[in-house]
Protein backbone atom coordinates (compact mmCIF):
# COMPACT_ATOMS: atom_id res chain seq x y z
CA MET A 1 213.61 -120.60 10.79
CA PRO A 2 212.78 -120.43 7.08
CA PRO A 3 214.14 -117.43 4.94
CA GLN A 4 212.02 -114.27 4.94
CA THR A 5 211.74 -113.01 1.28
CA LEU A 6 212.16 -109.41 0.57
CA GLY A 7 210.39 -108.63 -2.50
CA ASN A 8 208.11 -110.50 -4.77
CA SER A 9 208.37 -114.17 -3.90
CA GLN A 10 205.20 -115.31 -5.68
CA SER A 11 206.92 -116.10 -8.94
CA ALA A 12 207.96 -119.79 -9.20
CA SER A 13 211.03 -118.75 -11.12
CA THR A 14 212.24 -116.32 -8.64
CA GLU A 15 216.00 -116.61 -7.77
CA GLU A 16 217.15 -115.78 -4.29
CA ILE A 17 220.48 -114.32 -3.32
CA PHE A 18 221.67 -113.52 0.24
CA VAL A 19 224.54 -113.56 2.46
CA PHE A 20 224.50 -115.61 5.84
CA THR A 21 226.07 -114.34 9.08
CA TYR A 22 227.27 -117.97 9.60
CA ARG A 23 229.90 -117.20 6.81
CA TRP A 24 232.12 -115.67 9.63
CA MET A 25 231.97 -118.81 11.66
CA ILE A 26 232.92 -120.77 8.50
CA LEU A 27 235.75 -118.56 7.92
CA PHE A 28 236.98 -118.71 11.49
CA LEU A 29 236.79 -122.69 11.60
CA TYR A 30 238.96 -122.64 8.42
CA GLY A 31 241.48 -120.41 9.89
CA LEU A 32 241.79 -122.71 13.02
CA VAL A 33 242.69 -125.66 10.63
CA ALA A 34 244.91 -123.38 8.47
CA VAL A 35 246.70 -122.25 11.62
CA VAL A 36 247.37 -125.65 13.06
CA ASN A 37 248.66 -126.99 9.73
CA PHE A 38 250.78 -124.05 8.56
CA MET A 39 252.55 -124.05 12.02
CA GLN A 40 254.48 -127.13 10.77
CA LEU A 41 255.71 -125.52 7.70
CA LEU A 42 258.76 -123.82 9.06
CA GLN A 43 258.98 -125.11 12.59
CA PHE A 44 262.03 -127.04 11.88
CA SER A 45 263.86 -124.83 9.37
CA ILE A 46 263.63 -121.65 11.62
CA ILE A 47 265.85 -123.83 14.47
CA SER A 48 267.96 -125.30 11.59
CA ASN A 49 271.14 -124.88 14.08
CA VAL A 50 269.43 -126.91 16.87
CA ILE A 51 268.06 -129.67 14.55
CA THR A 52 271.35 -130.30 12.69
CA GLN A 53 273.15 -130.54 16.16
CA PHE A 54 270.62 -132.95 17.92
CA TYR A 55 269.82 -135.19 14.81
CA ASN A 56 273.38 -134.79 13.36
CA VAL A 57 272.22 -133.95 9.71
CA GLU A 58 273.12 -131.38 7.11
CA ASN A 59 271.20 -128.05 6.70
CA ILE A 60 269.88 -129.45 3.37
CA TRP A 61 268.05 -132.18 5.20
CA VAL A 62 266.38 -129.62 7.55
CA ASP A 63 265.32 -127.57 4.63
CA LEU A 64 263.69 -130.58 3.43
CA THR A 65 260.97 -130.51 6.24
CA SER A 66 259.83 -127.32 4.44
CA ILE A 67 260.61 -128.38 0.88
CA ILE A 68 258.33 -131.43 1.29
CA PHE A 69 255.48 -129.23 1.46
CA PHE A 70 256.54 -127.77 -1.97
CA ILE A 71 257.04 -131.10 -3.49
CA SER A 72 253.70 -132.38 -2.04
CA PHE A 73 251.90 -129.62 -4.01
CA ILE A 74 253.46 -130.39 -7.35
CA ILE A 75 252.60 -134.15 -6.85
CA PHE A 76 249.22 -133.83 -5.44
CA PHE A 77 247.61 -130.60 -6.64
CA TYR A 78 245.60 -132.38 -9.36
CA PRO A 79 244.18 -135.15 -7.34
CA VAL A 80 243.38 -132.89 -4.51
CA SER A 81 241.67 -130.30 -6.99
CA PHE A 82 239.37 -132.98 -8.18
CA ILE A 83 238.47 -134.09 -4.75
CA VAL A 84 237.56 -130.37 -3.89
CA GLU A 85 235.36 -130.16 -6.96
CA LYS A 86 233.86 -133.63 -6.76
CA TYR A 87 233.00 -133.54 -3.05
CA ASN A 88 232.62 -130.45 -1.04
CA LEU A 89 234.33 -128.00 1.45
CA LYS A 90 233.51 -129.97 4.61
CA VAL A 91 234.81 -133.16 3.27
CA THR A 92 238.09 -131.45 2.13
CA VAL A 93 238.59 -129.58 5.36
CA ILE A 94 238.03 -132.75 7.49
CA SER A 95 240.35 -134.66 5.45
CA ALA A 96 243.05 -131.96 5.82
CA MET A 97 242.60 -131.70 9.49
CA ALA A 98 242.72 -135.61 9.95
CA LEU A 99 245.91 -135.63 8.02
CA THR A 100 247.37 -132.82 10.17
CA LEU A 101 246.42 -134.77 13.29
CA ALA A 102 248.02 -137.93 12.18
CA GLY A 103 251.24 -136.13 11.31
CA ASN A 104 251.51 -134.44 14.70
CA LEU A 105 250.84 -137.81 16.41
CA ILE A 106 253.62 -139.50 14.32
CA LYS A 107 255.95 -136.59 15.64
CA LEU A 108 255.56 -137.81 19.27
CA PHE A 109 257.94 -140.78 18.15
CA ALA A 110 260.67 -138.62 16.78
CA THR A 111 262.44 -137.35 19.87
CA ARG A 112 265.30 -139.74 19.61
CA SER A 113 268.46 -138.45 17.75
CA ASP A 114 268.51 -141.37 15.45
CA ARG A 115 264.90 -140.86 14.28
CA TYR A 116 265.13 -137.92 11.88
CA TRP A 117 263.56 -140.06 9.28
CA VAL A 118 260.29 -140.09 11.47
CA ILE A 119 260.21 -136.25 11.39
CA LEU A 120 260.20 -136.41 7.40
CA LEU A 121 257.47 -139.25 7.57
CA ALA A 122 255.36 -137.22 9.85
CA GLN A 123 255.82 -134.02 7.59
CA LEU A 124 254.18 -135.82 4.55
CA PRO A 125 250.79 -136.28 5.72
CA ILE A 126 250.70 -132.70 7.01
CA ALA A 127 251.90 -131.52 3.59
CA ILE A 128 249.40 -133.25 1.84
CA GLY A 129 246.61 -131.78 4.01
CA GLN A 130 248.21 -128.28 3.41
CA VAL A 131 247.69 -129.12 -0.37
CA GLN A 132 243.95 -129.29 0.38
CA LEU A 133 243.84 -126.21 2.69
CA ALA A 134 245.69 -124.02 0.17
CA SER A 135 243.15 -124.84 -2.68
CA ILE A 136 240.31 -123.64 -0.52
CA PRO A 137 240.47 -119.88 0.13
CA SER A 138 239.06 -118.53 -3.11
CA LYS A 139 236.34 -121.20 -3.30
CA LEU A 140 235.29 -120.44 0.30
CA ALA A 141 235.07 -116.94 -0.41
CA THR A 142 233.04 -117.23 -3.53
CA THR A 143 230.73 -119.72 -1.93
CA TRP A 144 229.84 -117.94 1.13
CA PHE A 145 230.52 -114.21 0.74
CA GLY A 146 229.03 -111.57 -1.52
CA PRO A 147 230.81 -109.75 -4.30
CA LYS A 148 231.67 -106.62 -2.30
CA GLU A 149 233.61 -108.68 0.24
CA VAL A 150 234.97 -111.72 -1.56
CA SER A 151 238.60 -110.56 -2.00
CA THR A 152 238.64 -109.41 1.83
CA ALA A 153 237.23 -112.90 2.67
CA CYS A 154 240.01 -114.52 0.63
CA ALA A 155 242.59 -112.32 2.32
CA ILE A 156 241.40 -113.18 5.68
CA ALA A 157 241.62 -117.08 4.61
CA VAL A 158 245.16 -116.43 3.43
CA LEU A 159 245.86 -114.42 6.60
CA TRP A 160 245.13 -117.55 8.85
CA MET A 161 247.73 -119.43 6.51
CA GLN A 162 250.23 -116.87 7.06
CA LEU A 163 249.47 -116.54 10.95
CA GLY A 164 250.09 -120.26 11.18
CA SER A 165 253.39 -120.00 9.60
CA ALA A 166 254.29 -117.09 11.91
CA LEU A 167 253.29 -118.94 15.14
CA GLY A 168 255.49 -122.02 14.00
CA CYS A 169 258.31 -119.61 13.64
CA VAL A 170 257.85 -118.34 17.03
CA GLN A 171 256.88 -121.74 18.68
CA SER A 172 260.01 -123.61 18.01
CA PRO A 173 262.74 -120.94 19.11
CA PHE A 174 260.95 -120.31 22.34
CA ILE A 175 260.21 -123.98 23.32
CA VAL A 176 263.28 -125.51 22.00
CA THR A 177 265.94 -123.35 23.52
CA SER A 178 268.61 -125.70 25.09
CA LYS A 179 271.87 -127.06 23.54
CA ASP A 180 271.94 -130.02 25.91
CA THR A 181 270.83 -133.07 23.85
CA LYS A 182 268.67 -134.45 26.62
CA GLU A 183 266.93 -131.33 27.24
CA ILE A 184 266.40 -130.77 23.44
CA ALA A 185 264.69 -134.17 23.32
CA SER A 186 262.30 -133.07 26.21
CA GLN A 187 261.59 -129.67 24.67
CA LEU A 188 260.77 -131.25 21.33
CA PHE A 189 258.30 -133.76 22.92
CA GLU A 190 256.73 -130.91 24.89
CA MET A 191 256.26 -128.95 21.35
CA PHE A 192 254.87 -132.11 19.67
CA VAL A 193 252.32 -133.03 22.57
CA ILE A 194 251.01 -129.42 22.55
CA GLN A 195 250.56 -129.62 18.83
CA SER A 196 248.83 -132.98 18.82
CA ILE A 197 246.31 -131.83 21.60
CA LEU A 198 245.46 -128.72 19.60
CA SER A 199 245.02 -130.63 16.36
CA GLY A 200 242.79 -132.99 18.13
CA CYS A 201 240.50 -130.01 19.53
CA VAL A 202 240.27 -128.47 16.13
CA PHE A 203 239.52 -131.67 14.44
CA LEU A 204 236.41 -132.18 16.71
CA ALA A 205 235.38 -128.59 16.07
CA ILE A 206 235.20 -128.95 12.49
CA LEU A 207 233.27 -132.38 12.68
CA VAL A 208 230.66 -130.65 14.53
CA CYS A 209 230.44 -127.10 13.32
CA PHE A 210 231.65 -126.65 9.57
CA LYS A 211 229.22 -126.47 6.91
CA SER A 212 229.87 -126.88 2.94
CA LYS A 213 227.68 -124.16 1.66
CA PRO A 214 225.02 -121.92 2.34
CA LYS A 215 221.40 -122.74 1.56
CA LEU A 216 221.34 -120.02 -1.14
CA PRO A 217 224.04 -118.34 -3.08
CA PRO A 218 225.64 -114.92 -2.09
CA SER A 219 226.18 -113.51 -5.44
CA GLN A 220 224.85 -113.35 -9.04
CA SER A 221 228.14 -115.16 -10.09
CA GLN A 222 227.47 -118.16 -7.74
CA LEU A 223 223.67 -118.05 -8.83
CA ASN A 224 224.82 -118.23 -12.58
CA LEU A 225 226.94 -121.38 -11.70
CA ILE A 226 224.08 -123.03 -9.93
CA ALA A 227 221.57 -122.28 -12.61
CA ASN A 228 223.88 -123.71 -15.11
CA ALA A 229 224.81 -126.86 -12.91
CA ASN A 230 222.45 -129.19 -14.81
CA GLU A 231 224.01 -128.30 -18.28
CA ASP A 232 226.79 -130.35 -19.76
CA ARG A 233 230.08 -128.78 -18.47
CA PRO A 234 233.68 -129.44 -19.16
CA SER A 235 235.38 -132.04 -16.95
CA PHE A 236 237.98 -131.22 -14.32
CA PHE A 237 240.73 -132.11 -16.59
CA ALA A 238 239.39 -130.02 -19.54
CA ASN A 239 239.12 -127.19 -17.07
CA ILE A 240 242.77 -127.39 -16.11
CA LYS A 241 243.77 -127.57 -19.41
CA GLU A 242 241.96 -124.41 -20.25
CA VAL A 243 243.66 -122.75 -17.33
CA LEU A 244 246.98 -123.79 -18.70
CA LYS A 245 246.28 -122.56 -22.29
CA ASN A 246 245.40 -119.17 -20.93
CA ARG A 247 248.43 -117.04 -21.42
CA ASN A 248 247.32 -114.63 -18.75
CA PHE A 249 247.64 -117.50 -16.22
CA TRP A 250 251.33 -117.73 -16.97
CA PHE A 251 251.95 -114.04 -16.88
CA VAL A 252 250.50 -114.04 -13.38
CA VAL A 253 252.66 -117.16 -12.58
CA MET A 254 255.80 -115.47 -13.73
CA SER A 255 254.96 -112.25 -11.78
CA LEU A 256 253.08 -112.82 -8.57
CA GLY A 257 253.95 -116.68 -8.55
CA PHE A 258 257.54 -115.79 -8.75
CA ALA A 259 257.13 -113.22 -5.93
CA ASN A 260 255.26 -115.71 -3.79
CA GLY A 261 257.70 -118.41 -4.46
CA PHE A 262 260.66 -116.23 -3.27
CA TRP A 263 258.63 -115.27 -0.12
CA ASN A 264 258.48 -118.99 0.76
CA CYS A 265 262.02 -119.52 -0.14
CA SER A 266 262.89 -116.47 2.32
CA GLY A 267 261.35 -118.29 5.02
CA VAL A 268 263.40 -121.22 4.52
CA VAL A 269 266.67 -119.64 4.18
CA LEU A 270 266.07 -116.98 6.64
CA ASN A 271 267.86 -118.72 9.62
CA SER A 272 271.14 -119.40 7.81
CA ILE A 273 271.27 -115.95 5.97
CA TYR A 274 270.67 -114.11 9.31
CA LEU A 275 273.31 -116.16 11.32
CA ASN A 276 275.89 -115.37 8.71
CA TYR A 277 275.70 -111.82 9.47
CA PHE A 278 274.61 -112.08 13.24
CA PRO A 279 276.46 -115.26 14.45
CA ASN A 280 274.94 -115.33 18.01
CA MET A 281 271.55 -114.16 17.65
CA GLU A 282 269.55 -117.52 17.17
CA SER A 283 266.29 -116.27 18.53
CA ASP A 284 266.31 -113.25 16.06
CA PRO A 285 265.14 -115.15 12.80
CA GLY A 286 261.91 -116.48 14.49
CA VAL A 287 261.02 -112.87 15.66
CA LEU A 288 261.72 -111.52 12.31
CA ALA A 289 259.81 -114.22 10.57
CA LEU A 290 256.84 -113.46 13.04
CA MET A 291 257.07 -109.77 12.55
CA SER A 292 257.29 -110.26 8.63
CA ILE A 293 254.32 -112.61 8.32
CA ILE A 294 252.14 -110.49 10.57
CA SER A 295 252.99 -107.23 8.79
CA GLY A 296 252.78 -108.87 5.12
CA GLY A 297 250.59 -112.12 5.54
CA CYS A 298 248.22 -110.54 8.05
CA ILE A 299 248.14 -106.69 7.85
CA GLY A 300 249.19 -106.37 4.12
CA SER A 301 246.98 -109.05 2.90
CA ILE A 302 244.03 -107.57 4.50
CA PHE A 303 244.76 -104.16 3.24
CA VAL A 304 245.34 -105.26 -0.25
CA GLY A 305 242.11 -107.48 -0.05
CA ILE A 306 240.12 -104.51 0.93
CA ILE A 307 241.59 -102.34 -1.93
CA LEU A 308 240.85 -105.10 -4.37
CA ASP A 309 237.22 -105.11 -3.22
CA LYS A 310 237.05 -101.38 -3.49
CA THR A 311 238.69 -100.97 -6.82
CA HIS A 312 239.05 -104.11 -8.78
CA GLN A 313 242.30 -102.50 -10.07
CA PHE A 314 244.13 -106.04 -10.09
CA LYS A 315 247.03 -105.19 -12.53
CA LYS A 316 247.90 -101.61 -10.91
CA ILE A 317 247.80 -103.12 -7.32
CA SER A 318 249.96 -106.13 -8.53
CA PHE A 319 252.53 -103.92 -10.26
CA ALA A 320 252.55 -101.56 -7.09
CA ILE A 321 253.31 -104.35 -4.56
CA LEU A 322 255.77 -106.11 -6.85
CA LEU A 323 257.76 -102.91 -7.55
CA LEU A 324 257.54 -101.91 -3.88
CA ALA A 325 258.79 -105.63 -2.83
CA ALA A 326 261.74 -105.03 -5.02
CA ILE A 327 262.81 -101.63 -3.52
CA SER A 328 262.23 -102.92 0.09
CA TYR A 329 264.31 -105.89 -0.76
CA ALA A 330 267.25 -103.76 -1.73
CA PHE A 331 267.11 -102.08 1.70
CA VAL A 332 266.94 -105.60 3.37
CA SER A 333 270.25 -106.56 1.58
CA ILE A 334 271.85 -103.08 2.59
CA SER A 335 270.90 -103.67 6.20
CA LEU A 336 272.47 -107.15 6.17
CA ILE A 337 275.47 -106.21 4.43
CA ALA A 338 276.13 -103.36 6.77
CA LYS A 339 275.33 -105.65 9.66
CA SER A 340 272.80 -103.23 11.22
CA ARG A 341 270.87 -105.60 13.31
CA ILE A 342 268.33 -102.72 14.25
CA ALA A 343 267.73 -101.93 10.51
CA THR A 344 266.83 -105.64 9.89
CA PHE A 345 263.92 -105.39 12.25
CA PHE A 346 262.44 -102.53 9.92
CA THR A 347 263.57 -103.52 6.55
CA ILE A 348 262.56 -107.16 6.65
CA PRO A 349 258.98 -106.77 7.99
CA ILE A 350 258.45 -103.94 5.40
CA PHE A 351 259.60 -106.29 2.57
CA GLY A 352 257.05 -108.89 4.07
CA PHE A 353 254.32 -106.20 4.02
CA PHE A 354 254.60 -105.70 0.24
CA ILE A 355 255.65 -109.13 -1.06
CA ALA A 356 253.14 -111.45 1.00
CA PRO A 357 249.98 -110.01 -0.46
CA SER A 358 251.03 -111.48 -3.84
CA LEU A 359 249.50 -114.71 -2.88
CA ILE A 360 246.08 -113.15 -2.39
CA VAL A 361 246.24 -111.12 -5.47
CA GLY A 362 247.33 -114.11 -7.45
CA PHE A 363 244.45 -115.97 -6.24
CA GLU A 364 241.90 -113.56 -7.04
CA PHE A 365 243.26 -112.15 -10.15
CA LEU A 366 243.30 -115.67 -11.52
CA VAL A 367 239.55 -116.24 -10.48
CA GLU A 368 238.61 -113.32 -12.28
CA ILE A 369 240.20 -113.90 -15.51
CA THR A 370 239.31 -117.58 -15.65
CA TYR A 371 235.68 -117.51 -14.47
CA PRO A 372 233.45 -119.41 -14.88
CA ILE A 373 236.09 -122.31 -14.51
CA PRO A 374 235.74 -123.55 -10.95
CA GLU A 375 237.98 -121.81 -8.45
CA ALA A 376 239.82 -124.91 -7.21
CA CYS A 377 241.20 -125.41 -10.88
CA SER A 378 242.92 -122.02 -11.09
CA SER A 379 243.87 -121.73 -7.39
CA SER A 380 245.34 -125.11 -7.12
CA THR A 381 247.20 -124.78 -10.48
CA PHE A 382 248.70 -121.53 -9.31
CA ASN A 383 249.71 -123.01 -6.05
CA ALA A 384 251.58 -125.95 -7.76
CA ALA A 385 253.31 -123.32 -9.92
CA TYR A 386 254.56 -121.12 -7.31
CA TYR A 387 255.41 -123.99 -5.07
CA CYS A 388 257.57 -125.26 -7.96
CA LEU A 389 258.98 -121.86 -8.01
CA SER A 390 259.65 -122.00 -4.46
CA ILE A 391 261.83 -125.10 -4.82
CA VAL A 392 263.72 -123.64 -7.60
CA ASN A 393 264.24 -120.38 -5.82
CA THR A 394 265.41 -122.09 -2.43
CA VAL A 395 267.87 -124.43 -4.50
CA LEU A 396 268.96 -121.71 -6.60
CA PHE A 397 269.60 -119.18 -3.71
CA GLU A 398 271.81 -121.83 -2.02
CA VAL A 399 273.77 -122.35 -5.11
CA LEU A 400 274.19 -118.77 -5.79
CA ILE A 401 275.47 -118.04 -2.26
CA GLU A 402 278.21 -120.88 -2.70
CA SER A 403 279.08 -119.63 -6.24
CA ILE A 404 278.98 -115.83 -6.18
CA ASP A 405 278.48 -115.14 -2.31
CA TYR A 406 275.76 -113.08 -0.70
CA LEU A 407 276.14 -109.74 -2.02
CA TRP A 408 275.63 -110.86 -5.74
CA THR A 409 272.93 -113.19 -4.78
CA PHE A 410 270.93 -110.22 -3.37
CA VAL A 411 271.58 -108.37 -6.81
CA VAL A 412 270.35 -111.32 -8.75
CA VAL A 413 266.97 -111.62 -6.60
CA PHE A 414 266.50 -107.74 -6.93
CA PHE A 415 266.81 -107.88 -10.73
CA PHE A 416 264.26 -111.02 -10.86
CA LEU A 417 261.80 -109.09 -8.67
CA CYS A 418 261.93 -106.14 -10.75
CA CYS A 419 261.29 -108.28 -13.89
CA SER A 420 258.26 -109.88 -12.10
CA ALA A 421 256.80 -106.40 -11.71
CA MET A 422 257.14 -105.67 -15.42
CA VAL A 423 255.68 -109.15 -16.60
CA VAL A 424 252.42 -108.41 -14.64
CA LEU A 425 251.87 -105.45 -16.92
CA LEU A 426 251.46 -107.95 -19.66
CA VAL A 427 248.26 -109.55 -18.14
CA ASN A 428 244.88 -108.66 -19.96
CA SER A 429 242.68 -107.82 -16.98
CA GLU A 430 239.38 -109.00 -18.20
CA LEU A 431 237.37 -109.41 -14.99
CA ARG A 432 234.81 -111.96 -15.77
CA ARG A 433 233.55 -112.60 -12.34
CA ARG A 434 233.02 -108.96 -11.68
CA ASP A 435 231.16 -108.47 -14.93
CA ALA A 436 228.90 -111.51 -13.95
CA ASN A 437 228.09 -109.71 -10.54
CA LEU A 438 227.47 -106.31 -12.47
CA GLN A 439 224.29 -108.15 -13.96
CA ARG A 440 222.78 -107.15 -10.83
CA ASN A 441 222.24 -103.18 -11.02
CA ASP A 442 221.40 -102.87 -7.32
CA ASP A 443 224.35 -105.01 -6.08
CA VAL A 444 222.43 -105.43 -2.72
CA ILE A 445 224.08 -107.46 -0.03
CA VAL A 446 221.55 -108.18 3.00
CA ASP A 447 223.42 -109.48 6.07
CA ALA A 448 221.39 -112.37 7.66
CA GLY A 449 221.23 -111.53 11.26
CA ALA A 450 217.58 -110.93 12.09
CA ALA A 451 214.67 -113.28 12.30
CA MET A 452 212.45 -110.76 10.78
CA PRO A 453 213.17 -108.18 8.08
CA SER A 454 212.97 -104.58 9.13
CA ILE A 455 210.52 -102.06 7.47
CA SER A 456 213.47 -100.01 5.90
CA ASN A 457 214.86 -103.31 4.54
CA CYS A 458 211.57 -104.54 2.99
CA SER A 459 211.15 -100.99 1.49
CA ARG A 460 214.74 -101.08 0.05
CA SER A 461 214.23 -104.68 -1.34
CA SER A 462 210.78 -103.86 -3.00
CA SER A 463 212.57 -100.98 -4.70
CA SER A 464 215.49 -103.15 -5.83
CA SER A 465 213.28 -106.02 -6.78
CA SER A 466 211.40 -103.81 -9.21
CA MET A 467 214.58 -102.41 -10.79
CA ASN A 468 215.74 -106.01 -11.24
CA GLU A 469 212.51 -107.47 -12.80
CA HIS A 470 214.55 -108.17 -16.07
CA ASN A 471 216.52 -111.03 -14.40
CA ASN A 472 213.64 -111.93 -11.72
CA THR A 473 216.17 -111.95 -8.92
CA VAL A 474 215.32 -110.90 -5.35
CA VAL A 475 217.24 -110.64 -2.17
CA THR A 476 216.52 -112.42 1.06
CA THR A 477 217.33 -112.45 4.55
CA ALA A 478 217.16 -115.15 7.08
CA LYS A 479 218.69 -116.40 10.24
CA PHE A 480 220.81 -119.53 9.62
């Protein structure tokens, strides 16, 4: 059904803004893809003791199944960002899901103890797909959602990514439980079959139901970009160069990027650290990872996203979560050194609650301070930077443990987390996207759920339309 216009629609130059209900379906479909893909990130690291036994490899080779995702980001983030901007969201999501499906099918041939190389080969296309998916949250949010919910939408998109990592941490320890070589092979095959079937189903759903963008923009900032689409704009590489020249970008990387890099590192090394203090508790790291990702990646990210939408206090919120992450990490260290297993089930999830939202804050903070540069440029560059830090942190953590033992390693990490909280105070929080949206004095969002506008909506829109005659913008509602 065609849109029903609220307000004066007779002018040929009228510009329309509204938010489609279908945006939630788009977010849900993206979430399915993100879950299936991100399940692969830590699925081998979290059972490193079993993998090293079955494939007869060192721990560093098991860590490589996760590090390969970080390396892929550093190598492919430029071409992937270019693809995201040149094509559209649907092409990007289909490509990411196809690579994930291919990787999971390859894993079906990796259930012999002399085929560890097949595992690494299978992780590569999945990792490239993850580069694409991790570049999408901010762009999807700004393309489909209104200005009062864009940070929340981005947080929900990040939540799906974190939920996938959490499910991967739980899936492996509870499916691959045996210490007998033949049974391990059978259990690995069972896990790979489940992942392949799930990937195939999600791939079909994306092909049929996913859409790249709404028919009309959901916010003034998006309307401005569309209005200027025919003008000569900087090239993709010029935009990337502009991002890299922005000193605020580097302050965000050194603060929120470092924090999220360490969060990724924590997932990779959690199994070996925890078993050092609690030797026979192989299932605990998976449960703790699940609890931490749910508390931080899910609850914490949504909580922080809502606060960002309400307050737009990016610098203050960044400082608060980083400082509280440092303090909670001190308690994590104490609970491990004291060998208090019960305490770790409180302190580690609390640490996750504060540090995991650094990703959503980093995404949204950079989009705000780099607008009108396309979201994929700032998001993917930030992703590449913190994934690079993830590799550095993982390697450095292992080296420090071997050199100065666990206690002093924890002290060094605590010091750097405190420093990251101080660095974020140097960011000049000029919120350009918010300022663009404030051009609309009424700031009305109409949820498109009904076929015909209600009388109250018509009245409110008429009033709003008269208030906004200066920019000749009206708000419409329609069924998608």
